[in-house]
Amino acid sequence: MLKSVEIDPALLAELGEVTNDPEQAIDTAIRQWLQRRAIKEADRSRPLTMNPVVPPRGEWND
C-alpha cells in the first residue's frame, strides 16, 4: 500500500543536508518510533511485581 505524505519543504531540505536518501531516513525514523511505542505499551501492560518484604529491624542477616 503506497500512500502519499506531504512533508514541510524546510524539513525536507534539512534532511537533504544530512542524507542523500531522505525517503529512507524518514522510513527508518518512523519504524523506530513505532517500535519504541510498541515496547512502551508492552511495558505498561505488564503487571507490576511486588517489592520483597523487608524484615523488621533487628532481623537482618548482616
C-alpha atoms as a PDB file:
ATOM      1  CA  MET A   1       0.000   0.000   0.000  1.00  0.00           C
ATOM      2  CA  LEU A   2       1.559   3.245  -1.140  1.00  0.00           C
ATOM      3  CA  LYS A   3       0.429   6.499   0.464  1.00  0.00           C
ATOM      4  CA  SER A   4       1.474   9.994  -0.385  1.00  0.00           C
ATOM      5  CA  VAL A   5       2.511  12.200   2.515  1.00  0.00           C
ATOM      6  CA  GLU A   6       3.294  15.895   2.339  1.00  0.00           C
ATOM      7  CA  ILE A   7       6.413  16.934   4.220  1.00  0.00           C
ATOM      8  CA  ASP A   8       7.339  20.502   5.048  1.00  0.00           C
ATOM      9  CA  PRO A   9       9.815  21.624   2.364  1.00  0.00           C
ATOM     10  CA  ALA A  10      12.083  23.173   5.012  1.00  0.00           C
ATOM     11  CA  LEU A  11      12.258  19.846   6.848  1.00  0.00           C
ATOM     12  CA  LEU A  12      12.959  18.001   3.618  1.00  0.00           C
ATOM     13  CA  ALA A  13      15.726  20.477   2.747  1.00  0.00           C
ATOM     14  CA  GLU A  14      17.259  19.988   6.199  1.00  0.00           C
ATOM     15  CA  LEU A  15      17.134  16.211   5.765  1.00  0.00           C
ATOM     16  CA  GLY A  16      18.761  16.587   2.362  1.00  0.00           C
ATOM     17  CA  GLU A  17      21.760  18.225   4.051  1.00  0.00           C
ATOM     18  CA  VAL A  18      22.192  15.201   6.330  1.00  0.00           C
ATOM     19  CA  THR A  19      21.494  12.313   3.970  1.00  0.00           C
ATOM     20  CA  ASN A  20      21.431  11.515   0.276  1.00  0.00           C
ATOM     21  CA  ASP A  21      18.281   9.410   0.749  1.00  0.00           C
ATOM     22  CA  PRO A  22      15.691  11.384   2.773  1.00  0.00           C
ATOM     23  CA  GLU A  23      12.993   8.819   1.950  1.00  0.00           C
ATOM     24  CA  GLN A  24      14.979   6.031   3.617  1.00  0.00           C
ATOM     25  CA  ALA A  25      15.779   8.253   6.624  1.00  0.00           C
ATOM     26  CA  ILE A  26      12.084   9.045   7.111  1.00  0.00           C
ATOM     27  CA  ASP A  27      11.127   5.373   6.722  1.00  0.00           C
ATOM     28  CA  THR A  28      13.724   4.296   9.301  1.00  0.00           C
ATOM     29  CA  ALA A  29      12.721   7.038  11.754  1.00  0.00           C
ATOM     30  CA  ILE A  30       9.043   6.097  11.593  1.00  0.00           C
ATOM     31  CA  ARG A  31       9.799   2.393  12.020  1.00  0.00           C
ATOM     32  CA  GLN A  32      11.991   3.086  15.082  1.00  0.00           C
ATOM     33  CA  TRP A  33       9.338   5.373  16.562  1.00  0.00           C
ATOM     34  CA  LEU A  34       6.653   2.705  16.127  1.00  0.00           C
ATOM     35  CA  GLN A  35       8.919   0.049  17.637  1.00  0.00           C
ATOM     36  CA  ARG A  36       9.673   2.194  20.718  1.00  0.00           C
ATOM     37  CA  ARG A  37       5.964   2.940  21.078  1.00  0.00           C
ATOM     38  CA  ALA A  38       5.114  -0.783  20.976  1.00  0.00           C
ATOM     39  CA  ILE A  39       7.776  -1.530  23.609  1.00  0.00           C
ATOM     40  CA  LYS A  40       6.428   1.215  25.898  1.00  0.00           C
ATOM     41  CA  GLU A  41       2.873  -0.104  25.527  1.00  0.00           C
ATOM     42  CA  ALA A  42       4.050  -3.641  26.310  1.00  0.00           C
ATOM     43  CA  ASP A  43       5.825  -2.362  29.438  1.00  0.00           C
ATOM     44  CA  ARG A  44       2.652  -0.624  30.603  1.00  0.00           C
ATOM     45  CA  SER A  45       0.543  -3.743  30.121  1.00  0.00           C
ATOM     46  CA  ARG A  46       2.859  -5.906  32.245  1.00  0.00           C
ATOM     47  CA  PRO A  47       1.651  -6.374  35.829  1.00  0.00           C
ATOM     48  CA  LEU A  48       3.781  -4.696  38.453  1.00  0.00           C
ATOM     49  CA  THR A  49       5.823  -7.034  40.594  1.00  0.00           C
ATOM     50  CA  MET A  50       5.518  -6.661  44.328  1.00  0.00           C
ATOM     51  CA  ASN A  51       8.555  -5.452  46.243  1.00  0.00           C
ATOM     52  CA  PRO A  52      10.065  -8.107  48.505  1.00  0.00           C
ATOM     53  CA  VAL A  53       9.010  -7.938  52.138  1.00  0.00           C
ATOM     54  CA  VAL A  54      11.561  -6.177  54.318  1.00  0.00           C
ATOM     55  CA  PRO A  55      12.107  -7.920  57.663  1.00  0.00           C
ATOM     56  CA  PRO A  56      11.534  -5.898  60.826  1.00  0.00           C
ATOM     57  CA  ARG A  57      14.511  -4.082  62.300  1.00  0.00           C
ATOM     58  CA  GLY A  58      16.863  -6.428  64.126  1.00  0.00           C
ATOM     59  CA  GLU A  59      16.126  -9.422  61.911  1.00  0.00           C
ATOM     60  CA  TRP A  60      18.613  -8.511  59.195  1.00  0.00           C
ATOM     61  CA  ASN A  61      21.159 -11.149  58.356  1.00  0.00           C
ATOM     62  CA  ASP A  62      24.187  -8.844  58.356  1.00  0.00           C
END
